[in-house]
């Protein structure tokens, strides 16, 4: 890390990089993604909805 980067980061730029110690997590093997069936992407995006509830009282 150069001096300019350290100055830009302020106190955070003064931190030293340390390698991780100890045992690493074991490798997790994921099942392959299912790529058949389901909705086409654009149709799925059109059907997305966010549902929120807002209080109608107590707003100053």
PDB file of N, CA and C in Angstrom:
ATOM      1  N   UNK A   1       0.861  -1.165   0.000  1.00  0.00           N
ATOM      2  CA  UNK A   1       0.000   0.000   0.000  1.00  0.00           C
ATOM      3  C   UNK A   1       0.906   1.226   0.000  1.00  0.00           C
ATOM      4  N   UNK A   2       0.663   2.136  -0.922  1.00  0.00           N
ATOM      5  CA  UNK A   2       1.532   3.298  -1.009  1.00  0.00           C
ATOM      6  C   UNK A   2       1.084   4.406  -0.050  1.00  0.00           C
ATOM      7  N   UNK A   3       1.901   5.432   0.078  1.00  0.00           N
ATOM      8  CA  UNK A   3       1.647   6.520   1.024  1.00  0.00           C
ATOM      9  C   UNK A   3       0.353   7.262   0.695  1.00  0.00           C
ATOM     10  N   UNK A   4       0.089   7.493  -0.585  1.00  0.00           N
ATOM     11  CA  UNK A   4      -1.119   8.208  -0.982  1.00  0.00           C
ATOM     12  C   UNK A   4      -2.369   7.436  -0.565  1.00  0.00           C
ATOM     13  N   UNK A   5      -2.328   6.137  -0.732  1.00  0.00           N
ATOM     14  CA  UNK A   5      -3.466   5.307  -0.309  1.00  0.00           C
ATOM     15  C   UNK A   5      -3.635   5.365   1.199  1.00  0.00           C
ATOM     16  N   UNK A   6      -2.536   5.305   1.938  1.00  0.00           N
ATOM     17  CA  UNK A   6      -2.608   5.381   3.397  1.00  0.00           C
ATOM     18  C   UNK A   6      -3.191   6.717   3.846  1.00  0.00           C
ATOM     19  N   UNK A   7      -2.788   7.804   3.196  1.00  0.00           N
ATOM     20  CA  UNK A   7      -3.326   9.119   3.553  1.00  0.00           C
ATOM     21  C   UNK A   7      -4.822   9.186   3.245  1.00  0.00           C
ATOM     22  N   UNK A   8      -5.211   8.626   2.123  1.00  0.00           N
ATOM     23  CA  UNK A   8      -6.624   8.633   1.742  1.00  0.00           C
ATOM     24  C   UNK A   8      -7.481   7.835   2.702  1.00  0.00           C
ATOM     25  N   UNK A   9      -6.951   6.754   3.218  1.00  0.00           N
ATOM     26  CA  UNK A   9      -7.706   5.910   4.142  1.00  0.00           C
ATOM     27  C   UNK A   9      -7.627   6.402   5.585  1.00  0.00           C
ATOM     28  N   UNK A  10      -6.738   7.335   5.878  1.00  0.00           N
ATOM     29  CA  UNK A  10      -6.612   7.842   7.239  1.00  0.00           C
ATOM     30  C   UNK A  10      -6.152   6.748   8.177  1.00  0.00           C
ATOM     31  N   UNK A  11      -6.744   6.695   9.379  1.00  0.00           N
ATOM     32  CA  UNK A  11      -6.331   5.685  10.363  1.00  0.00           C
ATOM     33  C   UNK A  11      -6.458   4.254   9.833  1.00  0.00           C
ATOM     34  N   UNK A  12      -7.449   4.025   8.977  1.00  0.00           N
ATOM     35  CA  UNK A  12      -7.622   2.684   8.441  1.00  0.00           C
ATOM     36  C   UNK A  12      -6.430   2.291   7.574  1.00  0.00           C
ATOM     37  N   UNK A  13      -5.806   3.263   6.911  1.00  0.00           N
ATOM     38  CA  UNK A  13      -4.663   2.987   6.063  1.00  0.00           C
ATOM     39  C   UNK A  13      -3.418   2.621   6.837  1.00  0.00           C
ATOM     40  N   UNK A  14      -3.450   2.798   8.138  1.00  0.00           N
ATOM     41  CA  UNK A  14      -2.299   2.476   8.965  1.00  0.00           C
ATOM     42  C   UNK A  14      -2.339   1.034   9.473  1.00  0.00           C
ATOM     43  N   UNK A  15      -3.415   0.341   9.188  1.00  0.00           N
ATOM     44  CA  UNK A  15      -3.528  -1.046   9.625  1.00  0.00           C
ATOM     45  C   UNK A  15      -2.565  -1.920   8.850  1.00  0.00           C
ATOM     46  N   UNK A  16      -2.027  -2.914   9.501  1.00  0.00           N
ATOM     47  CA  UNK A  16      -1.118  -3.845   8.849  1.00  0.00           C
ATOM     48  C   UNK A  16      -1.894  -5.070   8.391  1.00  0.00           C
ATOM     49  N   UNK A  17      -1.514  -5.579   7.253  1.00  0.00           N
ATOM     50  CA  UNK A  17      -2.138  -6.782   6.729  1.00  0.00           C
ATOM     51  C   UNK A  17      -1.530  -7.978   7.440  1.00  0.00           C
ATOM     52  N   UNK A  18      -2.393  -8.847   7.941  1.00  0.00           N
ATOM     53  CA  UNK A  18      -1.922 -10.069   8.605  1.00  0.00           C
ATOM     54  C   UNK A  18      -2.586 -11.267   7.946  1.00  0.00           C
ATOM     55  N   UNK A  19      -1.826 -12.299   7.767  1.00  0.00           N
ATOM     56  CA  UNK A  19      -2.384 -13.513   7.203  1.00  0.00           C
ATOM     57  C   UNK A  19      -3.236 -14.221   8.246  1.00  0.00           C
ATOM     58  N   UNK A  20      -4.267 -14.895   7.787  1.00  0.00           N
ATOM     59  CA  UNK A  20      -5.128 -15.643   8.691  1.00  0.00           C
ATOM     60  C   UNK A  20      -4.366 -16.821   9.273  1.00  0.00           C
ATOM     61  N   UNK A  21      -4.694 -17.172  10.489  1.00  0.00           N
ATOM     62  CA  UNK A  21      -4.053 -18.301  11.155  1.00  0.00           C
ATOM     63  C   UNK A  21      -5.092 -19.354  11.487  1.00  0.00           C
ATOM     64  N   UNK A  22      -4.621 -20.552  11.688  1.00  0.00           N
ATOM     65  CA  UNK A  22      -5.512 -21.624  12.102  1.00  0.00           C
ATOM     66  C   UNK A  22      -6.012 -22.429  10.912  1.00  0.00           C
ATOM     67  N   UNK A  23      -6.915 -23.329  11.210  1.00  0.00           N
ATOM     68  CA  UNK A  23      -7.456 -24.207  10.177  1.00  0.00           C
ATOM     69  C   UNK A  23      -8.466 -23.443   9.334  1.00  0.00           C
ATOM     70  N   UNK A  24      -8.424 -23.705   8.060  1.00  0.00           N
ATOM     71  CA  UNK A  24      -9.412 -23.088   7.174  1.00  0.00           C
ATOM     72  C   UNK A  24     -10.676 -23.933   7.185  1.00  0.00           C
ATOM     73  N   UNK A  25     -11.758 -23.316   6.776  1.00  0.00           N
ATOM     74  CA  UNK A  25     -13.023 -24.043   6.698  1.00  0.00           C
ATOM     75  C   UNK A  25     -12.910 -25.101   5.617  1.00  0.00           C
ATOM     76  N   UNK A  26     -13.585 -26.214   5.827  1.00  0.00           N
ATOM     77  CA  UNK A  26     -13.549 -27.263   4.817  1.00  0.00           C
ATOM     78  C   UNK A  26     -14.302 -26.788   3.570  1.00  0.00           C
ATOM     79  N   UNK A  27     -13.961 -27.374   2.445  1.00  0.00           N
ATOM     80  CA  UNK A  27     -14.609 -27.003   1.193  1.00  0.00           C
ATOM     81  C   UNK A  27     -16.028 -27.541   1.179  1.00  0.00           C
ATOM     82  N   UNK A  28     -16.956 -26.689   0.800  1.00  0.00           N
ATOM     83  CA  UNK A  28     -18.353 -27.077   0.733  1.00  0.00           C
ATOM     84  C   UNK A  28     -18.723 -27.287  -0.723  1.00  0.00           C
ATOM     85  N   UNK A  29     -19.136 -28.489  -1.071  1.00  0.00           N
ATOM     86  CA  UNK A  29     -19.511 -28.793  -2.446  1.00  0.00           C
ATOM     87  C   UNK A  29     -21.002 -28.520  -2.605  1.00  0.00           C
ATOM     88  N   UNK A  30     -21.326 -27.628  -3.536  1.00  0.00           N
ATOM     89  CA  UNK A  30     -22.722 -27.282  -3.786  1.00  0.00           C
ATOM     90  C   UNK A  30     -23.287 -28.140  -4.907  1.00  0.00           C
ATOM     91  N   UNK A  31     -24.578 -28.399  -4.828  1.00  0.00           N
ATOM     92  CA  UNK A  31     -25.232 -29.120  -5.918  1.00  0.00           C
ATOM     93  C   UNK A  31     -25.363 -28.173  -7.104  1.00  0.00           C
ATOM     94  N   UNK A  32     -25.366 -28.685  -8.314  1.00  0.00           N
ATOM     95  CA  UNK A  32     -25.500 -27.816  -9.485  1.00  0.00           C
ATOM     96  C   UNK A  32     -26.843 -27.082  -9.459  1.00  0.00           C
ATOM     97  N   UNK A  33     -26.844 -25.863  -9.964  1.00  0.00           N
ATOM     98  CA  UNK A  33     -28.081 -25.076 -10.027  1.00  0.00           C
ATOM     99  C   UNK A  33     -29.031 -25.710 -11.030  1.00  0.00           C
ATOM    100  N   UNK A  34     -30.303 -25.651 -10.723  1.00  0.00           N
ATOM    101  CA  UNK A  34     -31.320 -26.176 -11.628  1.00  0.00           C
ATOM    102  C   UNK A  34     -31.556 -25.112 -12.703  1.00  0.00           C
ATOM    103  N   UNK A  35     -31.248 -25.451 -13.928  1.00  0.00           N
ATOM    104  CA  UNK A  35     -31.362 -24.456 -14.993  1.00  0.00           C
ATOM    105  C   UNK A  35     -32.538 -24.710 -15.924  1.00  0.00           C
ATOM    106  N   UNK A  36     -33.367 -25.681 -15.592  1.00  0.00           N
ATOM    107  CA  UNK A  36     -34.545 -25.907 -16.435  1.00  0.00           C
ATOM    108  C   UNK A  36     -35.804 -25.681 -15.608  1.00  0.00           C
ATOM    109  N   UNK A  37     -36.877 -25.318 -16.274  1.00  0.00           N
ATOM    110  CA  UNK A  37     -38.127 -25.052 -15.578  1.00  0.00           C
ATOM    111  C   UNK A  37     -38.134 -23.656 -14.991  1.00  0.00           C
ATOM    112  N   UNK A  38     -39.202 -23.317 -14.317  1.00  0.00           N
ATOM    113  CA  UNK A  38     -39.304 -21.995 -13.722  1.00  0.00           C
ATOM    114  C   UNK A  38     -39.730 -20.957 -14.738  1.00  0.00           C
ATOM    115  N   UNK A  39     -39.779 -19.715 -14.274  1.00  0.00           N
ATOM    116  CA  UNK A  39     -40.204 -18.615 -15.136  1.00  0.00           C
ATOM    117  C   UNK A  39     -39.029 -18.050 -15.926  1.00  0.00           C
ATOM    118  N   UNK A  40     -39.313 -17.518 -17.108  1.00  0.00           N
ATOM    119  CA  UNK A  40     -38.266 -16.758 -17.789  1.00  0.00           C
ATOM    120  C   UNK A  40     -37.895 -15.544 -16.943  1.00  0.00           C
ATOM    121  N   UNK A  41     -36.665 -15.098 -17.049  1.00  0.00           N
ATOM    122  CA  UNK A  41     -36.155 -14.030 -16.197  1.00  0.00           C
ATOM    123  C   UNK A  41     -37.016 -12.778 -16.248  1.00  0.00           C
ATOM    124  N   UNK A  42     -37.340 -12.293 -17.428  1.00  0.00           N
ATOM    125  CA  UNK A  42     -38.088 -11.031 -17.535  1.00  0.00           C
ATOM    126  C   UNK A  42     -39.480 -11.165 -16.910  1.00  0.00           C
ATOM    127  N   UNK A  43     -40.103 -12.302 -17.046  1.00  0.00           N
ATOM    128  CA  UNK A  43     -41.421 -12.519 -16.445  1.00  0.00           C
ATOM    129  C   UNK A  43     -41.320 -12.542 -14.917  1.00  0.00           C
ATOM    130  N   UNK A  44     -40.285 -13.174 -14.409  1.00  0.00           N
ATOM    131  CA  UNK A  44     -40.073 -13.219 -12.962  1.00  0.00           C
ATOM    132  C   UNK A  44     -39.842 -11.805 -12.421  1.00  0.00           C
ATOM    133  N   UNK A  45     -39.068 -11.001 -13.139  1.00  0.00           N
ATOM    134  CA  UNK A  45     -38.827  -9.622 -12.704  1.00  0.00           C
ATOM    135  C   UNK A  45     -40.101  -8.798 -12.715  1.00  0.00           C
ATOM    136  N   UNK A  46     -40.983  -9.017 -13.706  1.00  0.00           N
ATOM    137  CA  UNK A  46     -42.246  -8.284 -13.764  1.00  0.00           C
ATOM    138  C   UNK A  46     -43.169  -8.652 -12.606  1.00  0.00           C
ATOM    139  N   UNK A  47     -43.063  -9.863 -12.103  1.00  0.00           N
ATOM    140  CA  UNK A  47     -43.959 -10.314 -11.037  1.00  0.00           C
ATOM    141  C   UNK A  47     -43.455  -9.951  -9.639  1.00  0.00           C
ATOM    142  N   UNK A  48     -42.241  -9.428  -9.545  1.00  0.00           N
ATOM    143  CA  UNK A  48     -41.696  -9.064  -8.225  1.00  0.00           C
ATOM    144  C   UNK A  48     -42.519  -7.953  -7.591  1.00  0.00           C
ATOM    145  N   UNK A  49     -42.714  -8.042  -6.311  1.00  0.00           N
ATOM    146  CA  UNK A  49     -43.440  -7.016  -5.567  1.00  0.00           C
ATOM    147  C   UNK A  49     -42.812  -6.869  -4.190  1.00  0.00           C
ATOM    148  N   UNK A  50     -42.767  -5.642  -3.699  1.00  0.00           N
ATOM    149  CA  UNK A  50     -42.354  -5.377  -2.323  1.00  0.00           C
ATOM    150  C   UNK A  50     -43.602  -5.009  -1.548  1.00  0.00           C
ATOM    151  N   UNK A  51     -43.773  -5.598  -0.388  1.00  0.00           N
ATOM    152  CA  UNK A  51     -44.934  -5.282   0.437  1.00  0.00           C
ATOM    153  C   UNK A  51     -44.452  -4.661   1.726  1.00  0.00           C
ATOM    154  N   UNK A  52     -44.902  -3.443   1.966  1.00  0.00           N
ATOM    155  CA  UNK A  52     -44.528  -2.734   3.184  1.00  0.00           C
ATOM    156  C   UNK A  52     -45.785  -2.157   3.810  1.00  0.00           C
ATOM    157  N   UNK A  53     -45.716  -2.000   5.096  1.00  0.00           N
ATOM    158  CA  UNK A  53     -46.819  -1.353   5.802  1.00  0.00           C
ATOM    159  C   UNK A  53     -46.265  -0.125   6.496  1.00  0.00           C
ATOM    160  N   UNK A  54     -46.986   0.980   6.386  1.00  0.00           N
ATOM    161  CA  UNK A  54     -46.564   2.216   7.003  1.00  0.00           C
ATOM    162  C   UNK A  54     -47.637   2.675   7.986  1.00  0.00           C
ATOM    163  N   UNK A  55     -47.172   3.219   9.107  1.00  0.00           N
ATOM    164  CA  UNK A  55     -48.108   3.743  10.116  1.00  0.00           C
ATOM    165  C   UNK A  55     -48.779   4.990   9.568  1.00  0.00           C
ATOM    166  N   UNK A  56     -50.080   5.139   9.842  1.00  0.00           N
ATOM    167  CA  UNK A  56     -50.808   6.329   9.380  1.00  0.00           C
ATOM    168  C   UNK A  56     -50.923   7.366  10.491  1.00  0.00           C
ATOM    169  N   UNK A  57     -50.443   7.035  11.680  1.00  0.00           N
ATOM    170  CA  UNK A  57     -50.507   7.975  12.796  1.00  0.00           C
ATOM    171  C   UNK A  57     -49.123   8.114  13.424  1.00  0.00           C
ATOM    172  N   UNK A  58     -48.958   9.143  14.224  1.00  0.00           N
ATOM    173  CA  UNK A  58     -47.708   9.347  14.954  1.00  0.00           C
ATOM    174  C   UNK A  58     -46.607   9.975  14.122  1.00  0.00           C
ATOM    175  N   UNK A  59     -46.940  10.448  12.944  1.00  0.00           N
ATOM    176  CA  UNK A  59     -45.939  11.091  12.109  1.00  0.00           C
ATOM    177  C   UNK A  59     -45.963  12.584  12.390  1.00  0.00           C
ATOM    178  N   UNK A  60     -44.821  13.141  12.803  1.00  0.00           N
ATOM    179  CA  UNK A  60     -44.781  14.567  13.140  1.00  0.00           C
ATOM    180  C   UNK A  60     -44.310  15.398  11.990  1.00  0.00           C
TER     181      UNK A  60
END
